[in-house]
């Protein structure tokens, strides 16, 4: 019988299971009791096992939704309260009314609402209202700290509780002022009138009721009304409660810098011509006289602005006292021709060009200085500044001079340059005061405010050239015997043409000056509307006013 071959096991084959030596319970799969294992029946899950997680998810989702909804409501309430608070601070009754809820708007129509606010503010003499940080909304209400500054009763402090509902603030009249209660109306009761003060001259005499002084005196009364009126003794009541009480204080007089005698001289010198005359003291800025439209009708200053252009050129190094220029009748900037007055030929030295008021030199020189430096220097001389003098309009220059022709035109007092006789008298006074500008003031109670507009060195160089204008240039008509006068003429086109035409109806005549030149006591600005050349029309008036001012100073 052939021998049975033994099958070789692969080295990867598993070994046969071994049986335990007679220990059945050690064998795999064996369970006590013998036989095969019986599977336990599966338990069926209760429906609650599925519902509980779903309920938990629903609860959590609902809670999140409630939180989101609450937060949105809080944000809406905060926004509604903020809108009302902003309008309350601005005292904008229209915006306040719009921030109310529909019910409040129905109960208080806009006109009635505005009248109630106005009545409360008038009673309390409200000047400003300030609000602090609002609280977080609690139960639909926002609390806001408030401070109301009044003219008579100091500052009223308190809080406003704003109930926000239905898309707005639920308003009642008690929200008009801090501390006001339901049913109360604010009232002011005068206990004793204040003694009113008057406008006085520098020497303490009453400013006379003179036709030449009326505008100035009325302007001072309007500007310093509260000071002159004083404060009456009064009390503020909310209903029957006394909230604040003040004792009377007499008004305080103001002392005008005006010199009535010089004012009458300036008015007489101007006569019936349309124009203005202003006189100032260089060291303090005191306004000594204002006649005609000296402060109320700004005009193109023409070549008087060249005082500023010359200062800017010398300060920036664009020119020196030794600079010289070609003699010609015009200059061209950005393709535009700018002619000299009457198409005259001028040029040569810087001093001679200034004395002759040469556009063909100063327009390109202004462009060389550049818009930024020219405007900055003009502002140092008081342009674009709010005056302290009653009813006075400011001198202005555009801050957006975009090309060479715009800068060049501005440099000769055209483009959009505008000035008053007072403003240009201040420019001249600044040069006379060695470059220190005293801001014009109308009463001695206002402080003297002085700022450097240009260095003393440059101011001295400009002064010397202004002396040349009166000695042998366009301003000889302003010369005074025995007194050195420094001045500058101006002939400004009302409708800028740049062609050198000499139509008197289209030109304002200007002249500004100070004297004595070495240590000036007086500076003057004269402007005549539609009067032609400044040297012929305005300089003689300046001479007359300078002589009177120096004789009485």
Protein backbone atom coordinates (compact mmCIF):
# COMPACT_ATOMS: atom_id res chain seq x y z
CA UNK A 1 0.00 0.00 0.00
CA UNK A 2 1.57 3.22 -1.03
CA UNK A 3 2.65 5.49 1.74
CA UNK A 4 0.40 8.47 2.35
CA UNK A 5 2.26 11.69 1.87
CA UNK A 6 2.05 14.06 4.68
CA UNK A 7 0.79 17.39 3.66
CA UNK A 8 3.14 20.15 4.57
CA UNK A 9 1.55 23.02 6.33
CA UNK A 10 2.11 26.40 5.09
CA UNK A 11 4.01 28.58 7.40
CA UNK A 12 1.08 30.99 7.15
CA UNK A 13 -1.53 28.50 8.21
CA UNK A 14 -3.09 28.73 11.67
CA UNK A 15 -2.42 26.00 14.19
CA UNK A 16 -5.39 23.74 14.96
CA UNK A 17 -7.16 24.57 18.13
CA UNK A 18 -5.92 22.79 21.14
CA UNK A 19 -8.23 21.25 23.52
CA UNK A 20 -7.70 21.51 27.19
CA UNK A 21 -6.75 18.41 28.88
CA UNK A 22 -10.12 17.39 30.17
CA UNK A 23 -11.10 20.81 31.59
CA UNK A 24 -14.24 21.53 29.68
CA UNK A 25 -14.91 24.95 31.15
CA UNK A 26 -11.59 26.19 29.81
CA UNK A 27 -12.54 25.36 26.29
CA UNK A 28 -13.55 28.17 24.04
CA UNK A 29 -17.28 28.59 23.73
CA UNK A 30 -18.08 26.34 26.63
CA UNK A 31 -20.74 27.39 29.09
CA UNK A 32 -21.71 25.66 32.23
CA UNK A 33 -24.59 23.37 31.76
CA UNK A 34 -23.22 22.08 28.47
CA UNK A 35 -24.62 22.47 25.01
CA UNK A 36 -24.55 25.46 22.67
CA UNK A 37 -25.00 29.07 23.84
CA UNK A 38 -28.45 30.54 23.36
CA UNK A 39 -28.73 34.16 22.34
CA UNK A 40 -30.70 36.43 24.65
CA UNK A 41 -33.65 38.05 22.96
CA UNK A 42 -33.20 41.77 22.01
CA UNK A 43 -35.01 44.27 24.11
CA UNK A 44 -37.27 46.65 22.19
CA UNK A 45 -36.56 50.35 22.98
CA UNK A 46 -39.33 52.39 24.48
CA UNK A 47 -40.60 55.32 22.31
CA UNK A 48 -39.53 57.59 25.15
CA UNK A 49 -35.93 56.76 24.38
CA UNK A 50 -36.34 58.61 21.10
CA UNK A 51 -38.54 61.41 22.37
CA UNK A 52 -36.31 62.56 25.22
CA UNK A 53 -33.37 63.67 23.02
CA UNK A 54 -35.79 65.38 20.66
CA UNK A 55 -37.40 67.17 23.55
CA UNK A 56 -34.00 68.23 24.85
CA UNK A 57 -33.04 69.58 21.42
CA UNK A 58 -36.33 71.45 21.18
CA UNK A 59 -35.89 72.93 24.64
CA UNK A 60 -32.34 74.06 23.92
CA UNK A 61 -33.36 75.46 20.54
CA UNK A 62 -36.27 77.31 22.10
CA UNK A 63 -34.02 78.75 24.78
CA UNK A 64 -31.53 79.95 22.17
CA UNK A 65 -34.34 81.50 20.16
CA UNK A 66 -35.61 83.28 23.25
CA UNK A 67 -32.12 84.61 24.02
CA UNK A 68 -31.68 85.82 20.44
CA UNK A 69 -35.10 87.40 20.46
CA UNK A 70 -34.39 89.05 23.82
CA UNK A 71 -31.05 90.38 22.60
CA UNK A 72 -32.68 91.78 19.48
CA UNK A 73 -35.31 93.46 21.59
CA UNK A 74 -32.65 94.91 23.89
CA UNK A 75 -30.70 96.19 20.89
CA UNK A 76 -33.84 97.77 19.45
CA UNK A 77 -34.66 99.42 22.77
CA UNK A 78 -31.11 100.71 23.09
CA UNK A 79 -31.21 102.08 19.52
CA UNK A 80 -34.58 103.80 20.08
CA UNK A 81 -33.33 105.34 23.33
CA UNK A 82 -30.08 106.46 21.64
CA UNK A 83 -32.01 108.16 18.82
CA UNK A 84 -34.09 110.11 21.33
CA UNK A 85 -31.04 110.95 23.46
CA UNK A 86 -29.09 112.27 20.46
CA UNK A 87 -31.99 114.51 19.44
CA UNK A 88 -32.47 115.63 23.07
CA UNK A 89 -28.83 116.73 23.27
CA UNK A 90 -29.08 118.58 19.94
CA UNK A 91 -32.39 120.13 21.05
CA UNK A 92 -33.85 118.95 17.75
CA UNK A 93 -37.57 118.70 18.48
CA UNK A 94 -38.36 117.20 15.08
CA UNK A 95 -35.90 114.32 15.55
CA UNK A 96 -37.08 113.86 19.16
CA UNK A 97 -40.69 113.56 18.04
CA UNK A 98 -39.76 111.02 15.37
CA UNK A 99 -38.11 108.89 18.08
CA UNK A 100 -41.40 108.59 20.03
CA UNK A 101 -43.66 105.58 19.91
CA UNK A 102 -46.91 105.87 17.89
CA UNK A 103 -49.05 106.33 20.99
CA UNK A 104 -46.99 109.27 22.22
CA UNK A 105 -46.96 110.84 18.75
CA UNK A 106 -50.75 110.61 18.71
CA UNK A 107 -51.07 112.15 22.17
CA UNK A 108 -48.57 114.93 21.43
CA UNK A 109 -48.67 116.07 17.77
CA UNK A 110 -45.43 117.55 16.50
CA UNK A 111 -46.37 121.23 16.90
CA UNK A 112 -47.66 120.74 20.45
CA UNK A 113 -44.63 118.62 21.35
CA UNK A 114 -42.24 121.32 20.09
CA UNK A 115 -44.14 124.01 21.97
CA UNK A 116 -43.96 122.06 25.24
CA UNK A 117 -40.21 121.57 24.86
CA UNK A 118 -39.65 125.23 23.97
CA UNK A 119 -41.75 126.44 26.90
CA UNK A 120 -39.74 124.35 29.36
CA UNK A 121 -36.39 125.43 27.88
CA UNK A 122 -37.39 129.10 27.99
CA UNK A 123 -38.52 128.83 31.61
CA UNK A 124 -35.23 127.24 32.66
CA UNK A 125 -33.14 129.53 30.36
CA UNK A 126 -31.56 126.42 28.83
CA UNK A 127 -28.29 126.88 26.92
CA UNK A 128 -27.10 123.31 26.37
CA UNK A 129 -28.08 119.76 27.25
CA UNK A 130 -25.58 116.94 27.83
CA UNK A 131 -26.30 113.26 28.40
CA UNK A 132 -24.11 110.59 29.95
CA UNK A 133 -23.84 106.90 29.09
CA UNK A 134 -27.17 105.09 28.88
CA UNK A 135 -27.83 102.08 31.10
CA UNK A 136 -28.68 98.62 29.80
CA UNK A 137 -32.39 98.24 29.14
CA UNK A 138 -34.20 96.70 32.10
CA UNK A 139 -37.85 95.80 31.78
CA UNK A 140 -38.12 98.01 28.72
CA UNK A 141 -36.60 101.12 30.34
CA UNK A 142 -33.28 102.92 29.85
CA UNK A 143 -31.84 105.36 32.39
CA UNK A 144 -29.75 108.29 31.15
CA UNK A 145 -27.89 110.83 33.34
CA UNK A 146 -28.46 114.40 32.13
CA UNK A 147 -26.89 117.81 32.78
CA UNK A 148 -28.71 120.91 31.55
CA UNK A 149 -26.69 124.13 31.50
CA UNK A 150 -28.81 127.26 31.94
CA UNK A 151 -28.16 130.97 31.61
CA UNK A 152 -29.54 131.87 35.05
CA UNK A 153 -29.73 128.78 37.21
CA UNK A 154 -26.40 127.05 36.70
CA UNK A 155 -26.44 123.39 35.72
CA UNK A 156 -29.43 121.17 36.48
CA UNK A 157 -28.44 117.54 37.09
CA UNK A 158 -30.64 114.46 37.13
CA UNK A 159 -31.66 111.39 35.18
CA UNK A 160 -34.19 110.60 32.51
CA UNK A 161 -35.92 107.23 32.58
CA UNK A 162 -36.90 106.39 29.03
CA UNK A 163 -39.55 103.70 28.62
CA UNK A 164 -39.08 102.15 25.18
CA UNK A 165 -41.93 100.24 23.59
CA UNK A 166 -43.67 99.68 20.28
CA UNK A 167 -40.80 101.07 18.25
CA UNK A 168 -40.09 104.27 20.16
CA UNK A 169 -39.87 106.16 23.45
CA UNK A 170 -43.05 106.46 25.51
CA UNK A 171 -42.95 110.22 26.18
CA UNK A 172 -44.58 112.41 28.79
CA UNK A 173 -43.95 116.12 29.56
CA UNK A 174 -41.98 115.11 32.67
CA UNK A 175 -39.11 114.10 30.36
CA UNK A 176 -38.46 117.70 29.33
CA UNK A 177 -36.10 118.55 32.20
CA UNK A 178 -34.29 116.50 34.85
CA UNK A 179 -36.24 116.19 38.08
CA UNK A 180 -39.56 117.23 36.58
CA UNK A 181 -42.44 115.16 37.93
CA UNK A 182 -45.71 114.08 36.41
CA UNK A 183 -48.20 116.94 36.26
CA UNK A 184 -45.60 119.66 36.99
CA UNK A 185 -44.89 122.59 34.69
CA UNK A 186 -41.57 124.48 34.80
CA UNK A 187 -41.92 128.22 35.44
CA UNK A 188 -39.49 131.07 35.94
CA UNK A 189 -40.43 133.86 38.31
CA UNK A 190 -38.54 137.16 38.26
CA UNK A 191 -37.86 138.46 41.75
CA UNK A 192 -35.88 141.62 40.95
CA UNK A 193 -34.76 143.21 37.68
CA UNK A 194 -31.06 143.78 36.98
CA UNK A 195 -29.57 147.20 36.36
CA UNK A 196 -28.44 147.34 32.74
CA UNK A 197 -25.03 148.70 31.77
CA UNK A 198 -24.04 150.77 28.73
CA UNK A 199 -21.35 150.90 26.08
CA UNK A 200 -18.69 153.41 27.09
CA UNK A 201 -15.76 155.04 25.37
CA UNK A 202 -12.24 154.17 26.44
CA UNK A 203 -12.34 157.17 28.80
CA UNK A 204 -15.53 155.99 30.49
CA UNK A 205 -18.00 158.34 28.80
CA UNK A 206 -21.19 157.04 27.22
CA UNK A 207 -20.82 156.28 23.54
CA UNK A 208 -22.88 159.06 22.00
CA UNK A 209 -26.00 158.40 19.97
CA UNK A 210 -24.39 159.68 16.79
CA UNK A 211 -25.40 158.53 13.27
CA UNK A 212 -21.76 157.68 12.58
CA UNK A 213 -21.64 155.43 15.65
CA UNK A 214 -25.02 153.73 15.54
CA UNK A 215 -24.02 150.57 13.67
CA UNK A 216 -20.92 150.08 15.77
CA UNK A 217 -22.72 150.76 19.07
CA UNK A 218 -25.65 148.51 18.15
CA UNK A 219 -23.24 145.80 17.10
CA UNK A 220 -21.48 146.01 20.45
CA UNK A 221 -24.79 145.83 22.29
CA UNK A 222 -25.77 142.74 20.33
CA UNK A 223 -22.36 141.03 20.76
CA UNK A 224 -22.14 141.67 24.52
CA UNK A 225 -25.87 141.59 25.33
CA UNK A 226 -25.62 139.22 28.30
CA UNK A 227 -22.76 141.12 29.90
CA UNK A 228 -24.56 144.46 29.54
CA UNK A 229 -27.95 143.14 30.66
CA UNK A 230 -26.76 141.48 33.84
CA UNK A 231 -28.93 138.83 35.50
CA UNK A 232 -32.25 139.39 37.20
CA UNK A 233 -33.07 137.83 40.56
CA UNK A 234 -35.22 134.83 39.72
CA UNK A 235 -36.34 131.39 40.79
CA UNK A 236 -37.12 128.25 38.82
CA UNK A 237 -40.16 126.28 39.93
CA UNK A 238 -41.43 122.85 38.98
CA UNK A 239 -45.06 123.25 39.85
CA UNK A 240 -44.99 124.56 43.44
CA UNK A 241 -41.47 123.29 44.15
CA UNK A 242 -38.55 125.76 44.06
CA UNK A 243 -35.72 124.07 42.14
CA UNK A 244 -33.19 126.90 41.87
CA UNK A 245 -32.86 130.53 42.89
CA UNK A 246 -30.46 133.31 41.90
CA UNK A 247 -29.83 136.80 43.25
CA UNK A 248 -29.72 139.78 40.86
CA UNK A 249 -26.42 140.96 39.36
CA UNK A 250 -26.07 144.32 37.66
CA UNK A 251 -24.87 144.48 34.08
CA UNK A 252 -21.23 145.29 33.40
CA UNK A 253 -20.29 148.03 30.96
CA UNK A 254 -17.93 147.47 28.05
CA UNK A 255 -15.41 150.08 26.96
CA UNK A 256 -15.27 150.56 23.21
CA UNK A 257 -11.90 151.02 21.54
CA UNK A 258 -13.60 153.46 19.15
CA UNK A 259 -12.51 157.11 19.14
CA UNK A 260 -15.66 159.08 18.31
CA UNK A 261 -13.73 162.10 16.99
CA UNK A 262 -11.66 159.98 14.60
CA UNK A 263 -14.80 158.09 13.60
CA UNK A 264 -16.38 161.35 12.50
CA UNK A 265 -13.26 162.32 10.55
CA UNK A 266 -13.27 158.97 8.73
CA UNK A 267 -16.97 159.28 7.96
CA UNK A 268 -16.52 162.81 6.61
CA UNK A 269 -13.51 161.78 4.50
CA UNK A 270 -15.52 158.98 2.93
CA UNK A 271 -18.41 161.32 2.21
CA UNK A 272 -21.19 159.95 0.03
CA UNK A 273 -18.99 157.48 -1.81
CA UNK A 274 -19.67 153.78 -1.52
CA UNK A 275 -16.79 152.26 0.38
CA UNK A 276 -15.23 151.88 3.80
CA UNK A 277 -12.50 153.24 6.07
CA UNK A 278 -10.95 151.36 8.99
CA UNK A 279 -8.36 152.60 11.47
CA UNK A 280 -6.51 150.33 13.93
CA UNK A 281 -3.70 150.58 16.45
CA UNK A 282 -0.91 148.20 15.32
CA UNK A 283 0.38 147.18 18.76
CA UNK A 284 -2.96 146.20 20.32
CA UNK A 285 -5.35 145.70 17.40
CA UNK A 286 -7.72 148.32 18.85
CA UNK A 287 -10.28 149.42 16.27
CA UNK A 288 -10.26 153.22 16.38
CA UNK A 289 -12.69 154.02 13.55
CA UNK A 290 -14.99 152.20 11.13
CA UNK A 291 -16.82 154.18 8.45
CA UNK A 292 -19.14 152.98 5.69
CA UNK A 293 -18.81 149.32 4.70
CA UNK A 294 -15.49 148.90 6.51
CA UNK A 295 -16.41 145.45 7.84
CA UNK A 296 -19.59 144.32 6.12
CA UNK A 297 -18.92 143.91 2.38
CA UNK A 298 -15.70 142.05 1.49
CA UNK A 299 -14.24 142.92 -1.94
CA UNK A 300 -11.26 141.67 -3.98
CA UNK A 301 -8.25 143.34 -2.29
CA UNK A 302 -6.25 143.69 -5.49
CA UNK A 303 -2.62 144.67 -5.18
CA UNK A 304 -2.82 145.40 -1.44
CA UNK A 305 -2.60 141.59 -1.15
CA UNK A 306 0.93 141.84 -2.62
CA UNK A 307 2.08 142.73 0.91
CA UNK A 308 1.32 139.10 1.80
CA UNK A 309 2.79 137.72 -1.44
CA UNK A 310 6.00 139.69 -0.91
CA UNK A 311 6.22 138.45 2.70
CA UNK A 312 5.69 134.85 1.57
CA UNK A 313 8.31 135.12 -1.17
CA UNK A 314 10.96 136.62 1.11
CA UNK A 315 10.20 134.18 3.94
CA UNK A 316 10.34 131.11 1.67
CA UNK A 317 13.42 132.18 -0.29
CA UNK A 318 11.47 132.47 -3.55
CA UNK A 319 12.83 136.03 -3.71
CA UNK A 320 15.38 138.25 -1.98
CA UNK A 321 15.64 142.04 -1.76
CA UNK A 322 18.28 141.78 -4.53
CA UNK A 323 16.07 139.84 -6.94
CA UNK A 324 15.37 141.41 -10.33
CA UNK A 325 12.80 140.69 -13.03
CA UNK A 326 12.33 141.38 -16.75
CA UNK A 327 10.47 144.53 -17.76
CA UNK A 328 7.28 143.57 -19.59
CA UNK A 329 3.58 144.30 -19.88
CA UNK A 330 2.18 140.90 -18.90
CA UNK A 331 2.90 137.37 -17.73
CA UNK A 332 1.40 134.08 -18.88
CA UNK A 333 0.45 131.34 -16.43
CA UNK A 334 -1.23 128.07 -17.39
CA UNK A 335 -1.70 129.51 -20.85
CA UNK A 336 -3.59 132.56 -19.51
CA UNK A 337 -2.29 136.12 -19.97
CA UNK A 338 -2.20 138.42 -16.94
CA UNK A 339 -1.59 142.05 -17.90
CA UNK A 340 -0.30 144.93 -15.81
CA UNK A 341 -2.67 147.78 -14.96
CA UNK A 342 -3.28 149.86 -18.11
CA UNK A 343 -0.89 147.45 -19.88
CA UNK A 344 2.08 149.34 -18.48
CA UNK A 345 5.61 147.95 -18.73
CA UNK A 346 7.25 147.29 -15.38
CA UNK A 347 9.83 145.11 -13.71
CA UNK A 348 13.44 145.55 -12.63
CA UNK A 349 14.31 145.22 -8.94
CA UNK A 350 11.92 143.60 -6.48
CA UNK A 351 11.46 146.92 -4.66
CA UNK A 352 10.70 148.78 -7.90
CA UNK A 353 8.29 146.06 -9.02
CA UNK A 354 6.46 146.37 -5.68
CA UNK A 355 6.38 150.18 -5.87
CA UNK A 356 4.92 149.97 -9.37
CA UNK A 357 2.50 147.19 -8.31
CA UNK A 358 3.71 145.00 -11.16
CA UNK A 359 1.38 142.04 -11.90
CA UNK A 360 3.83 140.56 -14.40
CA UNK A 361 6.28 140.08 -11.51
CA UNK A 362 4.01 139.19 -8.59
CA UNK A 363 1.69 136.71 -10.29
CA UNK A 364 4.60 134.41 -11.34
CA UNK A 365 6.25 135.04 -7.98
CA UNK A 366 3.13 133.82 -6.20
CA UNK A 367 3.08 130.71 -8.40
CA UNK A 368 6.73 130.14 -7.46
CA UNK A 369 5.89 130.40 -3.76
CA UNK A 370 3.16 127.81 -4.30
CA UNK A 371 -0.44 127.48 -3.19
CA UNK A 372 0.24 125.88 0.18
CA UNK A 373 2.75 128.47 1.38
CA UNK A 374 0.79 131.40 -0.02
CA UNK A 375 -2.44 130.36 1.71
CA UNK A 376 -0.62 129.61 4.97
CA UNK A 377 0.98 133.05 4.94
CA UNK A 378 -2.36 134.72 4.17
CA UNK A 379 -3.93 132.90 7.11
CA UNK A 380 -1.08 134.07 9.35
CA UNK A 381 -2.13 137.61 8.37
CA UNK A 382 -5.73 136.91 9.41
CA UNK A 383 -7.38 135.47 6.31
CA UNK A 384 -10.00 132.73 6.88
CA UNK A 385 -10.29 133.87 10.51
CA UNK A 386 -13.50 134.74 12.38
CA UNK A 387 -13.28 138.39 13.49
CA UNK A 388 -13.96 139.52 17.06
CA UNK A 389 -15.42 142.82 15.88
CA UNK A 390 -19.26 142.97 15.78
CA UNK A 391 -20.86 142.36 12.35
CA UNK A 392 -17.40 142.07 10.74
CA UNK A 393 -17.02 139.66 7.83
CA UNK A 394 -13.76 137.70 7.48
CA UNK A 395 -11.01 138.10 4.91
CA UNK A 396 -10.97 134.92 2.81
CA UNK A 397 -8.71 133.11 0.36
CA UNK A 398 -9.45 129.82 -1.37
CA UNK A 399 -7.63 126.84 0.08
CA UNK A 400 -7.90 124.93 -3.23
CA UNK A 401 -5.76 126.84 -5.71
CA UNK A 402 -5.32 124.07 -8.26
CA UNK A 403 -2.99 125.50 -10.92
CA UNK A 404 -0.48 128.25 -11.61
CA UNK A 405 -3.04 130.73 -12.93
CA UNK A 406 -5.18 130.29 -9.81
CA UNK A 407 -2.19 130.81 -7.50
CA UNK A 408 -0.88 133.72 -9.56
CA UNK A 409 -4.27 135.43 -9.60
CA UNK A 410 -4.66 134.99 -5.84
CA UNK A 411 -1.16 136.41 -5.34
CA UNK A 412 -2.28 139.73 -6.88
CA UNK A 413 -5.51 139.87 -4.86
CA UNK A 414 -7.88 138.44 -7.45
CA UNK A 415 -9.09 134.83 -7.96
CA UNK A 416 -11.48 134.34 -5.01
CA UNK A 417 -9.65 136.62 -2.58
CA UNK A 418 -12.02 138.82 -0.55
CA UNK A 419 -11.20 141.36 2.13
CA UNK A 420 -12.57 144.29 4.13
CA UNK A 421 -10.85 147.59 4.87
CA UNK A 422 -10.52 146.45 8.49
CA UNK A 423 -8.92 143.18 7.40
CA UNK A 424 -6.40 144.88 5.13
CA UNK A 425 -5.66 147.61 7.70
CA UNK A 426 -4.69 144.73 9.99
CA UNK A 427 -2.35 143.35 7.29
CA UNK A 428 -0.57 146.70 7.04
CA UNK A 429 -0.48 147.04 10.84
CA UNK A 430 1.21 143.64 11.11
CA UNK A 431 4.11 144.79 8.95
CA UNK A 432 4.35 147.98 11.02
CA UNK A 433 4.45 145.92 14.23
CA UNK A 434 7.56 144.05 13.02
CA UNK A 435 5.61 141.00 11.90
CA UNK A 436 3.50 140.55 15.05
CA UNK A 437 -0.21 140.57 14.28
CA UNK A 438 -2.61 141.88 16.94
CA UNK A 439 -6.08 140.46 16.25
CA UNK A 440 -8.49 143.42 15.92
CA UNK A 441 -10.65 144.00 19.00
CA UNK A 442 -13.64 146.26 19.60
CA UNK A 443 -13.63 146.54 23.42
CA UNK A 444 -10.80 146.88 25.88
CA UNK A 445 -12.22 144.00 27.95
CA UNK A 446 -11.23 141.58 25.16
CA UNK A 447 -7.63 140.44 25.63
CA UNK A 448 -4.88 141.56 23.26
CA UNK A 449 -4.08 138.52 21.11
CA UNK A 450 -0.77 138.73 19.24
CA UNK A 451 0.76 136.12 16.95
CA UNK A 452 3.77 136.24 14.68
CA UNK A 453 2.76 136.40 11.02
CA UNK A 454 6.26 136.85 9.60
CA UNK A 455 9.76 137.38 10.98
CA UNK A 456 10.88 140.83 12.07
CA UNK A 457 13.57 140.72 9.37
CA UNK A 458 11.10 140.08 6.56
CA UNK A 459 8.64 142.61 8.01
CA UNK A 460 11.42 145.21 7.95
CA UNK A 461 12.20 144.45 4.30
CA UNK A 462 8.52 144.72 3.34
CA UNK A 463 8.17 147.98 5.34
CA UNK A 464 11.06 149.52 3.44
CA UNK A 465 9.41 148.63 0.14
CA UNK A 466 6.07 150.05 1.36
CA UNK A 467 7.88 153.32 2.17
CA UNK A 468 9.06 153.30 -1.45
CA UNK A 469 5.44 153.04 -2.66
CA UNK A 470 4.57 156.36 -0.96
CA UNK A 471 7.85 158.10 -1.74
CA UNK A 472 8.02 157.36 -5.44
CA UNK A 473 5.56 154.67 -6.47
CA UNK A 474 1.81 154.44 -6.94
CA UNK A 475 0.97 155.85 -3.48
CA UNK A 476 2.54 159.32 -3.47
CA UNK A 477 -0.88 160.91 -2.82
CA UNK A 478 -0.72 159.56 0.76
CA UNK A 479 2.54 161.31 1.67
CA UNK A 480 2.48 163.48 4.81
CA UNK A 481 4.93 166.31 5.46
CA UNK A 482 7.36 165.48 8.22
CA UNK A 483 6.05 161.91 8.65
CA UNK A 484 7.29 158.75 6.93
CA UNK A 485 4.30 156.82 5.64
CA UNK A 486 4.47 153.18 4.47
CA UNK A 487 1.66 152.09 2.18
CA UNK A 488 0.39 149.99 -0.70
CA UNK A 489 -2.11 150.75 -3.43
CA UNK A 490 -4.58 148.35 -4.94
CA UNK A 491 -6.78 148.44 -8.04
CA UNK A 492 -8.98 145.35 -7.95
CA UNK A 493 -11.16 144.15 -10.78
CA UNK A 494 -14.68 143.31 -9.65
CA UNK A 495 -15.04 141.10 -12.70
CA UNK A 496 -11.56 139.73 -13.30
CA UNK A 497 -10.43 140.09 -16.92
CA UNK A 498 -6.65 140.02 -16.64
CA UNK A 499 -6.35 142.25 -19.73
CA UNK A 500 -5.12 145.38 -17.96
CA UNK A 501 -8.23 147.39 -18.80
CA UNK A 502 -8.87 150.52 -16.75
CA UNK A 503 -12.66 150.64 -16.51
CA UNK A 504 -13.35 152.50 -13.23
CA UNK A 505 -16.78 150.94 -12.90
CA UNK A 506 -15.15 147.50 -12.86
CA UNK A 507 -12.45 148.36 -10.34
CA UNK A 508 -12.31 148.96 -6.59
CA UNK A 509 -9.76 151.49 -5.37
CA UNK A 510 -7.68 150.40 -2.35
CA UNK A 511 -5.01 151.90 -0.14
CA UNK A 512 -3.52 150.63 3.12
CA UNK A 513 -0.84 152.36 5.19
CA UNK A 514 0.76 152.86 8.60
CA UNK A 515 2.64 155.76 10.15
CA UNK A 516 5.11 156.77 11.40
CA UNK A 517 6.81 153.95 9.51
CA UNK A 518 9.59 153.29 12.06
CA UNK A 519 7.24 153.00 15.07
CA UNK A 520 3.64 153.18 13.86
CA UNK A 521 0.80 154.43 16.04
CA UNK A 522 -1.87 154.19 13.34
CA UNK A 523 -2.74 151.87 10.46
CA UNK A 524 -5.52 152.58 7.97
CA UNK A 525 -7.41 150.72 5.24
CA UNK A 526 -9.51 152.47 2.59
CA UNK A 527 -11.65 150.92 -0.13
CA UNK A 528 -13.95 152.61 -2.68
CA UNK A 529 -16.27 150.53 -4.84
CA UNK A 530 -16.07 151.16 -8.59
CA UNK A 531 -13.75 154.13 -8.14
CA UNK A 532 -10.77 153.28 -10.36
CA UNK A 533 -7.12 153.39 -9.34
CA UNK A 534 -6.28 153.13 -5.66
CA UNK A 535 -3.44 155.64 -5.78
CA UNK A 536 -5.71 158.36 -7.13
CA UNK A 537 -9.01 157.66 -5.34
CA UNK A 538 -8.22 155.93 -2.04
CA UNK A 539 -4.78 157.26 -1.07
CA UNK A 540 -5.96 160.89 -0.50
CA UNK A 541 -8.64 159.66 1.95
CA UNK A 542 -6.03 157.61 3.81
CA UNK A 543 -3.80 160.70 4.02
CA UNK A 544 -6.60 162.76 5.57
CA UNK A 545 -7.44 160.10 8.16
CA UNK A 546 -3.78 159.43 9.02
CA UNK A 547 -3.16 163.13 9.61
CA UNK A 548 -6.16 163.44 11.95
CA UNK A 549 -5.29 160.24 13.82
CA UNK A 550 -1.65 161.22 14.35
CA UNK A 551 -2.64 164.72 15.48
CA UNK A 552 -4.91 163.36 18.21
CA UNK A 553 -3.01 160.25 19.28
